């Protein structure tokens, strides 16, 4: 028998009787959406940068501007995805207002905070990748 508000109820994600049970994996993905996008951005920027330099620029097939352009595109897409996620979470929080559960309010706020912090990280990564001369180590 679980008491309302017990740690067991918090760990499994919600109230089974009212049908509001949310799987833990889905809740974690929702909360960590911003850092996940940031990690994907980091991987794409540095892996793509290295691959483009190793395969194209060092052999004269690609201009160094292509590498910078790819960083700009990946950074812009990541920032747009994070912005849409924050706007959607904010809209959802406003739509439910006081009718939503305290746990959902908390998850929305944590998700938006982490997404905003991740947006700063994405912008910082993109700027640093653009400031450093592309393919410097492979020349």
C-alpha atoms as a PDB file:
ATOM      1  CA  UNK A   1       0.000   0.000   0.000  1.00  0.00           C
ATOM      2  CA  UNK A   2       1.501   3.306  -1.086  1.00  0.00           C
ATOM      3  CA  UNK A   3       0.613   6.536   0.638  1.00  0.00           C
ATOM      4  CA  UNK A   4      -0.248   9.542  -1.451  1.00  0.00           C
ATOM      5  CA  UNK A   5       2.906  11.560  -1.948  1.00  0.00           C
ATOM      6  CA  UNK A   6       5.161   8.721  -0.908  1.00  0.00           C
ATOM      7  CA  UNK A   7       8.586   8.194  -2.390  1.00  0.00           C
ATOM      8  CA  UNK A   8       7.298   5.072  -4.145  1.00  0.00           C
ATOM      9  CA  UNK A   9       4.711   7.107  -6.021  1.00  0.00           C
ATOM     10  CA  UNK A  10       7.297   9.722  -6.932  1.00  0.00           C
ATOM     11  CA  UNK A  11       9.706   7.084  -8.206  1.00  0.00           C
ATOM     12  CA  UNK A  12       7.255   5.324 -10.489  1.00  0.00           C
ATOM     13  CA  UNK A  13       6.058   8.563 -12.043  1.00  0.00           C
ATOM     14  CA  UNK A  14       2.506   9.185 -10.974  1.00  0.00           C
ATOM     15  CA  UNK A  15      -0.905   8.099  -9.814  1.00  0.00           C
ATOM     16  CA  UNK A  16      -2.029   4.750 -11.259  1.00  0.00           C
ATOM     17  CA  UNK A  17      -5.670   5.116 -10.113  1.00  0.00           C
ATOM     18  CA  UNK A  18      -6.374   8.287 -12.076  1.00  0.00           C
ATOM     19  CA  UNK A  19      -4.551   7.191 -15.222  1.00  0.00           C
ATOM     20  CA  UNK A  20      -1.917   9.907 -14.972  1.00  0.00           C
ATOM     21  CA  UNK A  21       1.014   7.526 -14.780  1.00  0.00           C
ATOM     22  CA  UNK A  22       3.906   8.763 -16.855  1.00  0.00           C
ATOM     23  CA  UNK A  23       6.772   6.367 -17.529  1.00  0.00           C
ATOM     24  CA  UNK A  24      10.060   7.287 -15.929  1.00  0.00           C
ATOM     25  CA  UNK A  25      11.969   7.097 -19.226  1.00  0.00           C
ATOM     26  CA  UNK A  26       9.566   9.543 -20.881  1.00  0.00           C
ATOM     27  CA  UNK A  27       9.770  11.949 -17.966  1.00  0.00           C
ATOM     28  CA  UNK A  28      13.569  11.822 -17.974  1.00  0.00           C
ATOM     29  CA  UNK A  29      13.691  12.388 -21.738  1.00  0.00           C
ATOM     30  CA  UNK A  30      11.333  15.352 -21.343  1.00  0.00           C
ATOM     31  CA  UNK A  31      13.352  16.917 -18.542  1.00  0.00           C
ATOM     32  CA  UNK A  32      16.715  16.249 -20.210  1.00  0.00           C
ATOM     33  CA  UNK A  33      15.637  17.262 -23.713  1.00  0.00           C
ATOM     34  CA  UNK A  34      17.835  20.386 -23.684  1.00  0.00           C
ATOM     35  CA  UNK A  35      21.039  18.629 -22.605  1.00  0.00           C
ATOM     36  CA  UNK A  36      20.339  15.838 -25.115  1.00  0.00           C
ATOM     37  CA  UNK A  37      20.069  18.381 -27.947  1.00  0.00           C
ATOM     38  CA  UNK A  38      23.254  20.023 -26.672  1.00  0.00           C
ATOM     39  CA  UNK A  39      25.099  16.681 -26.674  1.00  0.00           C
ATOM     40  CA  UNK A  40      23.902  15.921 -30.207  1.00  0.00           C
ATOM     41  CA  UNK A  41      25.004  19.394 -31.307  1.00  0.00           C
ATOM     42  CA  UNK A  42      28.430  18.922 -29.740  1.00  0.00           C
ATOM     43  CA  UNK A  43      28.830  15.578 -31.485  1.00  0.00           C
ATOM     44  CA  UNK A  44      27.685  16.875 -34.864  1.00  0.00           C
ATOM     45  CA  UNK A  45      29.811  20.013 -34.738  1.00  0.00           C
ATOM     46  CA  UNK A  46      33.076  18.404 -33.721  1.00  0.00           C
ATOM     47  CA  UNK A  47      32.624  15.090 -35.532  1.00  0.00           C
ATOM     48  CA  UNK A  48      31.399  16.860 -38.667  1.00  0.00           C
ATOM     49  CA  UNK A  49      34.175  19.422 -38.424  1.00  0.00           C
ATOM     50  CA  UNK A  50      36.815  16.714 -38.151  1.00  0.00           C
ATOM     51  CA  UNK A  51      35.340  14.580 -40.926  1.00  0.00           C
ATOM     52  CA  UNK A  52      34.935  17.482 -43.330  1.00  0.00           C
ATOM     53  CA  UNK A  53      38.483  18.601 -42.660  1.00  0.00           C
ATOM     54  CA  UNK A  54      39.970  15.122 -42.982  1.00  0.00           C
ATOM     55  CA  UNK A  55      38.034  14.147 -46.094  1.00  0.00           C
ATOM     56  CA  UNK A  56      37.669  17.349 -48.007  1.00  0.00           C
ATOM     57  CA  UNK A  57      39.587  20.409 -47.040  1.00  0.00           C
ATOM     58  CA  UNK A  58      42.948  18.730 -46.551  1.00  0.00           C
ATOM     59  CA  UNK A  59      42.743  17.290 -50.079  1.00  0.00           C
ATOM     60  CA  UNK A  60      41.561  20.551 -51.631  1.00  0.00           C
ATOM     61  CA  UNK A  61      38.082  19.248 -52.464  1.00  0.00           C
ATOM     62  CA  UNK A  62      36.261  21.620 -50.090  1.00  0.00           C
ATOM     63  CA  UNK A  63      36.864  25.217 -49.148  1.00  0.00           C
ATOM     64  CA  UNK A  64      37.292  25.983 -45.420  1.00  0.00           C
ATOM     65  CA  UNK A  65      34.117  28.085 -45.639  1.00  0.00           C
ATOM     66  CA  UNK A  66      32.086  24.895 -46.038  1.00  0.00           C
ATOM     67  CA  UNK A  67      33.148  23.784 -42.566  1.00  0.00           C
ATOM     68  CA  UNK A  68      32.108  27.123 -41.038  1.00  0.00           C
ATOM     69  CA  UNK A  69      28.817  27.045 -42.932  1.00  0.00           C
ATOM     70  CA  UNK A  70      28.057  23.538 -41.625  1.00  0.00           C
ATOM     71  CA  UNK A  71      28.708  24.712 -38.049  1.00  0.00           C
ATOM     72  CA  UNK A  72      26.331  27.647 -38.567  1.00  0.00           C
ATOM     73  CA  UNK A  73      23.595  25.372 -39.933  1.00  0.00           C
ATOM     74  CA  UNK A  74      23.898  22.784 -37.141  1.00  0.00           C
ATOM     75  CA  UNK A  75      23.964  25.522 -34.484  1.00  0.00           C
ATOM     76  CA  UNK A  76      20.931  27.298 -35.949  1.00  0.00           C
ATOM     77  CA  UNK A  77      18.926  24.058 -36.117  1.00  0.00           C
ATOM     78  CA  UNK A  78      19.808  23.174 -32.510  1.00  0.00           C
ATOM     79  CA  UNK A  79      18.835  26.654 -31.283  1.00  0.00           C
ATOM     80  CA  UNK A  80      15.535  26.504 -33.174  1.00  0.00           C
ATOM     81  CA  UNK A  81      14.728  23.064 -31.708  1.00  0.00           C
ATOM     82  CA  UNK A  82      15.496  24.299 -28.185  1.00  0.00           C
ATOM     83  CA  UNK A  83      13.437  27.463 -28.692  1.00  0.00           C
ATOM     84  CA  UNK A  84      10.440  25.484 -29.960  1.00  0.00           C
ATOM     85  CA  UNK A  85      10.719  23.113 -26.978  1.00  0.00           C
ATOM     86  CA  UNK A  86      10.766  25.989 -24.472  1.00  0.00           C
ATOM     87  CA  UNK A  87       7.849  27.757 -26.164  1.00  0.00           C
ATOM     88  CA  UNK A  88       5.828  24.521 -26.283  1.00  0.00           C
ATOM     89  CA  UNK A  89       6.517  23.748 -22.618  1.00  0.00           C
ATOM     90  CA  UNK A  90       5.617  27.304 -21.633  1.00  0.00           C
ATOM     91  CA  UNK A  91       2.396  27.158 -23.659  1.00  0.00           C
ATOM     92  CA  UNK A  92       1.496  23.847 -22.069  1.00  0.00           C
ATOM     93  CA  UNK A  93       2.195  25.201 -18.585  1.00  0.00           C
ATOM     94  CA  UNK A  94       0.016  28.251 -19.261  1.00  0.00           C
ATOM     95  CA  UNK A  95      -2.785  26.145 -20.758  1.00  0.00           C
ATOM     96  CA  UNK A  96      -3.056  23.922 -17.700  1.00  0.00           C
ATOM     97  CA  UNK A  97      -2.393  26.703 -15.207  1.00  0.00           C
ATOM     98  CA  UNK A  98      -3.436  25.679 -11.711  1.00  0.00           C
ATOM     99  CA  UNK A  99      -5.249  22.593 -13.013  1.00  0.00           C
ATOM    100  CA  UNK A 100      -1.972  20.759 -13.667  1.00  0.00           C
ATOM    101  CA  UNK A 101      -0.230  18.685 -11.060  1.00  0.00           C
ATOM    102  CA  UNK A 102       2.643  20.021  -9.009  1.00  0.00           C
ATOM    103  CA  UNK A 103       4.945  17.392 -10.489  1.00  0.00           C
ATOM    104  CA  UNK A 104       4.120  18.475 -14.043  1.00  0.00           C
ATOM    105  CA  UNK A 105       4.668  22.133 -13.129  1.00  0.00           C
ATOM    106  CA  UNK A 106       8.056  21.201 -11.693  1.00  0.00           C
ATOM    107  CA  UNK A 107       8.990  19.120 -14.756  1.00  0.00           C
ATOM    108  CA  UNK A 108       8.005  21.941 -17.108  1.00  0.00           C
ATOM    109  CA  UNK A 109      10.099  24.478 -15.222  1.00  0.00           C
ATOM    110  CA  UNK A 110      13.129  22.187 -14.964  1.00  0.00           C
ATOM    111  CA  UNK A 111      12.864  21.313 -18.665  1.00  0.00           C
ATOM    112  CA  UNK A 112      12.668  24.975 -19.665  1.00  0.00           C
ATOM    113  CA  UNK A 113      15.600  25.919 -17.421  1.00  0.00           C
ATOM    114  CA  UNK A 114      17.790  23.104 -18.741  1.00  0.00           C
ATOM    115  CA  UNK A 115      16.804  23.902 -22.331  1.00  0.00           C
ATOM    116  CA  UNK A 116      17.715  27.570 -21.859  1.00  0.00           C
ATOM    117  CA  UNK A 117      21.063  26.646 -20.287  1.00  0.00           C
ATOM    118  CA  UNK A 118      21.650  24.195 -23.126  1.00  0.00           C
ATOM    119  CA  UNK A 119      20.890  26.970 -25.602  1.00  0.00           C
ATOM    120  CA  UNK A 120      23.689  29.012 -24.047  1.00  0.00           C
ATOM    121  CA  UNK A 121      25.992  25.994 -24.400  1.00  0.00           C
ATOM    122  CA  UNK A 122      24.993  25.464 -28.029  1.00  0.00           C
ATOM    123  CA  UNK A 123      25.578  29.131 -28.860  1.00  0.00           C
ATOM    124  CA  UNK A 124      28.946  29.069 -27.063  1.00  0.00           C
ATOM    125  CA  UNK A 125      30.021  25.917 -28.931  1.00  0.00           C
ATOM    126  CA  UNK A 126      28.930  27.315 -32.251  1.00  0.00           C
ATOM    127  CA  UNK A 127      30.752  30.579 -31.631  1.00  0.00           C
ATOM    128  CA  UNK A 128      33.943  28.871 -30.533  1.00  0.00           C
ATOM    129  CA  UNK A 129      33.884  26.549 -33.540  1.00  0.00           C
ATOM    130  CA  UNK A 130      33.529  29.586 -35.800  1.00  0.00           C
ATOM    131  CA  UNK A 131      36.244  31.625 -34.086  1.00  0.00           C
ATOM    132  CA  UNK A 132      38.886  28.910 -34.367  1.00  0.00           C
ATOM    133  CA  UNK A 133      40.251  28.573 -37.878  1.00  0.00           C
ATOM    134  CA  UNK A 134      38.824  25.435 -39.516  1.00  0.00           C
ATOM    135  CA  UNK A 135      41.108  22.475 -40.186  1.00  0.00           C
ATOM    136  CA  UNK A 136      44.130  24.106 -38.578  1.00  0.00           C
ATOM    137  CA  UNK A 137      45.527  20.857 -37.175  1.00  0.00           C
ATOM    138  CA  UNK A 138      45.209  18.937 -40.441  1.00  0.00           C
ATOM    139  CA  UNK A 139      47.189  21.354 -42.603  1.00  0.00           C
END
